[in-house]
Amino acid sequence: MTTAVPRLGSVVLDCPDPRALADFYARLLDWPAGESDDDSWATIEGPAGAMIEFQRAADYRPPTWPDPEVLQMFHLDLRVDDLEAAHGRALALGAKLLDQHRTFRVYADPAGHPFCLCQV
């Protein structure tokens, strides 16, 4: 049966280097390495068909959270069992710590997008 109700296909992030950012998130999430036909787009796919895609933006400017000069507009909340272990993993892969709280921490990925590690 067909329906007019949309289904989420993927989340797409603008960035200066799609392959590099896809590799960062594939390693962070322990998903298979992404595929890319060219330098303008990359895709990674995880469990149950969840996908994150990355597209090259020629004049990309990263968000400046928490400074409102360039708004974040969007961020990923990633759930973790061990916040300290996940913190070390994120930093080792190239994330930058922006802020921390008792149950979650805010980071910037290598292209500057904010994301949170949230303890379950």
N, C-alpha and C. Protein backbone atom coordinates (compact mmCIF):
# COMPACT_ATOMS: atom_id res chain seq x y z
N MET A 1 0.84 -1.18 0.00
CA MET A 1 0.00 0.00 0.00
C MET A 1 0.89 1.25 0.00
N THR A 2 0.61 2.16 -0.84
CA THR A 2 1.35 3.42 -0.87
C THR A 2 0.67 4.40 0.07
N THR A 3 1.48 5.36 0.52
CA THR A 3 0.95 6.36 1.45
C THR A 3 1.59 7.70 1.14
N ALA A 4 0.89 8.75 1.52
CA ALA A 4 1.42 10.10 1.33
C ALA A 4 2.25 10.55 2.53
N VAL A 5 2.38 9.69 3.55
CA VAL A 5 3.13 10.04 4.75
C VAL A 5 4.62 9.82 4.50
N PRO A 6 5.42 10.86 4.63
CA PRO A 6 6.86 10.69 4.41
C PRO A 6 7.51 9.82 5.47
N ARG A 7 8.63 9.22 5.13
CA ARG A 7 9.46 8.46 6.06
C ARG A 7 10.84 9.09 6.04
N LEU A 8 11.48 9.15 7.19
CA LEU A 8 12.81 9.72 7.26
C LEU A 8 13.77 8.83 6.48
N GLY A 9 14.49 9.43 5.53
CA GLY A 9 15.46 8.67 4.75
C GLY A 9 16.85 8.77 5.35
N SER A 10 17.27 10.00 5.64
CA SER A 10 18.60 10.20 6.21
C SER A 10 18.69 11.61 6.77
N VAL A 11 19.78 11.84 7.48
CA VAL A 11 20.14 13.17 7.95
C VAL A 11 21.34 13.57 7.10
N VAL A 12 21.35 14.80 6.58
CA VAL A 12 22.43 15.26 5.71
C VAL A 12 23.11 16.47 6.36
N LEU A 13 24.43 16.40 6.45
CA LEU A 13 25.22 17.50 7.01
C LEU A 13 26.06 18.15 5.92
N ASP A 14 26.02 19.48 5.85
CA ASP A 14 26.95 20.21 4.98
C ASP A 14 28.33 20.18 5.62
N CYS A 15 29.37 20.18 4.80
CA CYS A 15 30.73 20.16 5.31
C CYS A 15 31.72 20.46 4.20
N PRO A 16 32.98 20.73 4.53
CA PRO A 16 33.96 21.00 3.50
C PRO A 16 34.55 19.72 2.87
N ASP A 17 34.52 18.58 3.59
CA ASP A 17 35.13 17.34 3.11
C ASP A 17 34.23 16.16 3.48
N PRO A 18 33.29 15.79 2.60
CA PRO A 18 32.33 14.73 2.92
C PRO A 18 32.97 13.40 3.31
N ARG A 19 33.99 12.98 2.60
CA ARG A 19 34.61 11.68 2.91
C ARG A 19 35.24 11.68 4.30
N ALA A 20 35.93 12.75 4.65
CA ALA A 20 36.58 12.82 5.96
C ALA A 20 35.55 12.82 7.09
N LEU A 21 34.47 13.58 6.92
CA LEU A 21 33.46 13.64 7.98
C LEU A 21 32.69 12.33 8.07
N ALA A 22 32.42 11.68 6.95
CA ALA A 22 31.78 10.37 6.97
C ALA A 22 32.67 9.36 7.70
N ASP A 23 33.96 9.43 7.48
CA ASP A 23 34.88 8.53 8.16
C ASP A 23 34.88 8.79 9.66
N PHE A 24 34.87 10.05 10.08
CA PHE A 24 34.80 10.39 11.51
C PHE A 24 33.57 9.76 12.16
N TYR A 25 32.39 9.98 11.57
CA TYR A 25 31.16 9.45 12.17
C TYR A 25 31.08 7.93 12.08
N ALA A 26 31.59 7.33 11.02
CA ALA A 26 31.61 5.86 10.92
C ALA A 26 32.44 5.28 12.06
N ARG A 27 33.59 5.87 12.34
CA ARG A 27 34.44 5.39 13.42
C ARG A 27 33.81 5.69 14.78
N LEU A 28 33.24 6.88 14.96
CA LEU A 28 32.62 7.25 16.24
C LEU A 28 31.46 6.31 16.57
N LEU A 29 30.62 6.02 15.59
CA LEU A 29 29.44 5.19 15.80
C LEU A 29 29.70 3.70 15.60
N ASP A 30 30.90 3.35 15.17
CA ASP A 30 31.27 1.96 14.85
C ASP A 30 30.34 1.38 13.78
N TRP A 31 30.09 2.18 12.76
CA TRP A 31 29.32 1.77 11.60
C TRP A 31 30.29 1.41 10.49
N PRO A 32 29.84 0.69 9.47
CA PRO A 32 30.72 0.39 8.34
C PRO A 32 31.18 1.68 7.65
N ALA A 33 32.37 1.61 7.05
CA ALA A 33 32.91 2.77 6.32
C ALA A 33 31.93 3.20 5.24
N GLY A 34 31.88 4.48 4.99
CA GLY A 34 30.95 5.02 4.02
C GLY A 34 31.38 4.79 2.59
N GLU A 35 30.45 5.02 1.68
CA GLU A 35 30.72 4.93 0.26
C GLU A 35 30.53 6.31 -0.36
N SER A 36 31.30 6.55 -1.42
CA SER A 36 31.21 7.83 -2.10
C SER A 36 31.62 7.66 -3.55
N ASP A 37 30.83 8.22 -4.46
CA ASP A 37 31.18 8.16 -5.88
C ASP A 37 32.09 9.31 -6.29
N ASP A 38 32.06 10.39 -5.52
CA ASP A 38 32.89 11.55 -5.86
C ASP A 38 33.19 12.32 -4.58
N ASP A 39 33.84 13.47 -4.71
CA ASP A 39 34.22 14.26 -3.54
C ASP A 39 33.11 15.14 -3.00
N SER A 40 31.93 15.11 -3.62
CA SER A 40 30.87 16.02 -3.19
C SER A 40 29.85 15.39 -2.26
N TRP A 41 29.91 14.06 -2.05
CA TRP A 41 28.88 13.39 -1.27
C TRP A 41 29.43 12.11 -0.68
N ALA A 42 29.04 11.79 0.55
CA ALA A 42 29.39 10.51 1.18
C ALA A 42 28.22 10.07 2.06
N THR A 43 28.08 8.77 2.23
CA THR A 43 26.99 8.19 3.00
C THR A 43 27.51 7.10 3.92
N ILE A 44 27.01 7.07 5.16
CA ILE A 44 27.25 5.92 6.03
C ILE A 44 25.90 5.38 6.46
N GLU A 45 25.83 4.06 6.66
CA GLU A 45 24.57 3.43 7.05
C GLU A 45 24.81 2.51 8.22
N GLY A 46 23.95 2.64 9.21
CA GLY A 46 24.06 1.84 10.42
C GLY A 46 22.92 0.86 10.56
N PRO A 47 22.65 0.46 11.79
CA PRO A 47 21.60 -0.53 12.06
C PRO A 47 20.23 -0.06 11.57
N ALA A 48 19.46 -1.02 11.13
CA ALA A 48 18.07 -0.78 10.71
C ALA A 48 17.96 0.28 9.62
N GLY A 49 19.01 0.47 8.84
CA GLY A 49 18.95 1.41 7.72
C GLY A 49 19.12 2.86 8.09
N ALA A 50 19.48 3.17 9.33
CA ALA A 50 19.73 4.56 9.71
C ALA A 50 20.89 5.09 8.87
N MET A 51 20.74 6.27 8.30
CA MET A 51 21.78 6.82 7.43
C MET A 51 22.11 8.26 7.81
N ILE A 52 23.40 8.58 7.69
CA ILE A 52 23.86 9.97 7.78
C ILE A 52 24.60 10.22 6.48
N GLU A 53 24.28 11.33 5.83
CA GLU A 53 24.92 11.66 4.57
C GLU A 53 25.61 13.02 4.71
N PHE A 54 26.62 13.23 3.90
CA PHE A 54 27.48 14.40 4.01
C PHE A 54 27.63 15.01 2.62
N GLN A 55 27.36 16.31 2.51
CA GLN A 55 27.48 16.96 1.21
C GLN A 55 28.45 18.13 1.30
N ARG A 56 29.26 18.27 0.25
CA ARG A 56 30.23 19.36 0.20
C ARG A 56 29.49 20.69 0.04
N ALA A 57 29.90 21.65 0.84
CA ALA A 57 29.40 23.02 0.74
C ALA A 57 30.62 23.92 0.51
N ALA A 58 30.67 24.53 -0.65
CA ALA A 58 31.85 25.31 -1.05
C ALA A 58 32.20 26.41 -0.04
N ASP A 59 31.22 27.10 0.46
CA ASP A 59 31.46 28.21 1.38
C ASP A 59 31.06 27.85 2.81
N TYR A 60 31.29 26.60 3.19
CA TYR A 60 30.87 26.12 4.50
C TYR A 60 31.49 26.94 5.63
N ARG A 61 30.64 27.33 6.57
CA ARG A 61 31.07 27.98 7.80
C ARG A 61 30.51 27.19 8.95
N PRO A 62 31.35 26.66 9.85
CA PRO A 62 30.84 25.85 10.95
C PRO A 62 30.06 26.71 11.95
N PRO A 63 29.12 26.07 12.65
CA PRO A 63 28.39 26.77 13.70
C PRO A 63 29.38 27.26 14.77
N THR A 64 29.00 28.30 15.47
CA THR A 64 29.88 28.87 16.50
C THR A 64 29.27 28.70 17.89
N TRP A 65 28.45 27.67 18.06
CA TRP A 65 27.81 27.43 19.35
C TRP A 65 28.84 27.44 20.46
N PRO A 66 28.57 28.08 21.59
CA PRO A 66 27.30 28.71 21.97
C PRO A 66 27.17 30.16 21.50
N ASP A 67 28.17 30.71 20.84
CA ASP A 67 28.08 32.07 20.30
C ASP A 67 27.06 32.08 19.16
N PRO A 68 26.07 32.96 19.18
CA PRO A 68 25.01 32.95 18.16
C PRO A 68 25.42 33.55 16.81
N GLU A 69 26.70 33.87 16.61
CA GLU A 69 27.12 34.46 15.33
C GLU A 69 26.72 33.57 14.15
N VAL A 70 27.00 32.28 14.23
CA VAL A 70 26.56 31.31 13.22
C VAL A 70 25.79 30.23 13.99
N LEU A 71 24.48 30.21 13.84
CA LEU A 71 23.62 29.32 14.60
C LEU A 71 23.91 27.86 14.28
N GLN A 72 23.70 26.97 15.27
CA GLN A 72 23.95 25.55 15.05
C GLN A 72 22.85 24.92 14.20
N MET A 73 21.63 25.36 14.30
CA MET A 73 20.50 24.91 13.50
C MET A 73 20.12 23.45 13.74
N PHE A 74 21.07 22.59 14.09
CA PHE A 74 20.83 21.16 14.15
C PHE A 74 21.99 20.52 14.89
N HIS A 75 21.72 19.48 15.67
CA HIS A 75 22.82 18.69 16.23
C HIS A 75 22.34 17.28 16.52
N LEU A 76 23.27 16.35 16.63
CA LEU A 76 22.97 14.96 16.93
C LEU A 76 23.12 14.73 18.42
N ASP A 77 22.18 14.03 19.04
CA ASP A 77 22.31 13.52 20.40
C ASP A 77 22.59 12.04 20.28
N LEU A 78 23.77 11.61 20.72
CA LEU A 78 24.19 10.22 20.62
C LEU A 78 24.19 9.62 22.02
N ARG A 79 23.48 8.53 22.22
CA ARG A 79 23.35 7.91 23.53
C ARG A 79 24.52 6.97 23.79
N VAL A 80 25.06 7.01 25.00
CA VAL A 80 26.19 6.15 25.38
C VAL A 80 25.94 5.55 26.76
N ASP A 81 26.53 4.38 26.99
CA ASP A 81 26.43 3.73 28.31
C ASP A 81 27.50 4.25 29.26
N ASP A 82 28.70 4.50 28.74
CA ASP A 82 29.83 4.92 29.56
C ASP A 82 30.33 6.26 29.03
N LEU A 83 29.94 7.34 29.69
CA LEU A 83 30.25 8.69 29.21
C LEU A 83 31.75 8.94 29.17
N GLU A 84 32.49 8.50 30.18
CA GLU A 84 33.94 8.73 30.20
C GLU A 84 34.64 8.01 29.05
N ALA A 85 34.29 6.76 28.81
CA ALA A 85 34.90 6.00 27.72
C ALA A 85 34.54 6.62 26.36
N ALA A 86 33.28 7.01 26.20
CA ALA A 86 32.84 7.63 24.95
C ALA A 86 33.53 8.98 24.73
N HIS A 87 33.73 9.71 25.82
CA HIS A 87 34.44 11.00 25.76
C HIS A 87 35.86 10.80 25.20
N GLY A 88 36.58 9.86 25.77
CA GLY A 88 37.94 9.58 25.30
C GLY A 88 37.96 9.16 23.85
N ARG A 89 37.00 8.32 23.45
CA ARG A 89 36.91 7.85 22.06
C ARG A 89 36.66 9.03 21.12
N ALA A 90 35.72 9.90 21.48
CA ALA A 90 35.39 11.05 20.62
C ALA A 90 36.61 11.95 20.43
N LEU A 91 37.31 12.25 21.52
CA LEU A 91 38.50 13.11 21.42
C LEU A 91 39.59 12.47 20.58
N ALA A 92 39.80 11.17 20.75
CA ALA A 92 40.83 10.46 19.99
C ALA A 92 40.52 10.45 18.49
N LEU A 93 39.24 10.53 18.15
CA LEU A 93 38.85 10.52 16.74
C LEU A 93 38.85 11.92 16.13
N GLY A 94 39.06 12.95 16.93
CA GLY A 94 39.15 14.30 16.39
C GLY A 94 38.08 15.26 16.83
N ALA A 95 37.20 14.86 17.74
CA ALA A 95 36.18 15.78 18.25
C ALA A 95 36.82 16.77 19.21
N LYS A 96 36.16 17.92 19.36
CA LYS A 96 36.61 18.95 20.29
C LYS A 96 35.52 19.17 21.34
N LEU A 97 35.89 19.09 22.61
CA LEU A 97 34.94 19.30 23.70
C LEU A 97 34.55 20.77 23.75
N LEU A 98 33.23 21.05 23.77
CA LEU A 98 32.72 22.42 23.84
C LEU A 98 32.14 22.76 25.20
N ASP A 99 31.48 21.76 25.83
CA ASP A 99 30.79 22.02 27.09
C ASP A 99 30.53 20.67 27.76
N GLN A 100 30.43 20.67 29.08
CA GLN A 100 30.13 19.41 29.76
C GLN A 100 29.19 19.61 30.92
N HIS A 101 28.39 18.59 31.15
CA HIS A 101 27.42 18.56 32.23
C HIS A 101 27.49 17.17 32.86
N ARG A 102 26.75 16.95 33.91
CA ARG A 102 26.83 15.69 34.62
C ARG A 102 26.46 14.50 33.74
N THR A 103 25.41 14.61 32.93
CA THR A 103 24.93 13.47 32.15
C THR A 103 25.14 13.59 30.64
N PHE A 104 25.72 14.68 30.18
CA PHE A 104 26.00 14.81 28.75
C PHE A 104 27.15 15.78 28.52
N ARG A 105 27.77 15.64 27.34
CA ARG A 105 28.85 16.54 26.93
C ARG A 105 28.60 16.97 25.50
N VAL A 106 29.00 18.20 25.20
CA VAL A 106 28.81 18.77 23.88
C VAL A 106 30.18 18.86 23.20
N TYR A 107 30.23 18.42 21.95
CA TYR A 107 31.46 18.41 21.17
C TYR A 107 31.22 19.07 19.82
N ALA A 108 32.31 19.39 19.14
CA ALA A 108 32.27 19.76 17.73
C ALA A 108 32.97 18.65 16.96
N ASP A 109 32.36 18.22 15.86
CA ASP A 109 33.02 17.24 15.01
C ASP A 109 34.13 17.95 14.23
N PRO A 110 34.93 17.25 13.44
CA PRO A 110 36.03 17.91 12.73
C PRO A 110 35.61 19.03 11.79
N ALA A 111 34.35 19.06 11.36
CA ALA A 111 33.87 20.16 10.51
C ALA A 111 33.18 21.24 11.33
N GLY A 112 33.11 21.08 12.65
CA GLY A 112 32.53 22.10 13.52
C GLY A 112 31.09 21.90 13.91
N HIS A 113 30.40 20.84 13.43
CA HIS A 113 29.02 20.60 13.83
C HIS A 113 28.95 20.16 15.28
N PRO A 114 28.07 20.75 16.08
CA PRO A 114 27.93 20.28 17.45
C PRO A 114 27.24 18.91 17.49
N PHE A 115 27.65 18.08 18.43
CA PHE A 115 26.93 16.86 18.74
C PHE A 115 27.10 16.59 20.23
N CYS A 116 26.17 15.83 20.80
CA CYS A 116 26.21 15.53 22.22
C CYS A 116 26.37 14.04 22.45
N LEU A 117 27.16 13.69 23.45
CA LEU A 117 27.19 12.33 23.97
C LEU A 117 26.37 12.38 25.24
N CYS A 118 25.30 11.58 25.31
CA CYS A 118 24.35 11.61 26.41
C CYS A 118 24.35 10.26 27.11
N GLN A 119 24.63 10.26 28.41
CA GLN A 119 24.67 9.01 29.16
C GLN A 119 23.26 8.47 29.34
N VAL A 120 23.10 7.19 29.04
CA VAL A 120 21.78 6.54 29.14
C VAL A 120 21.50 6.25 30.59
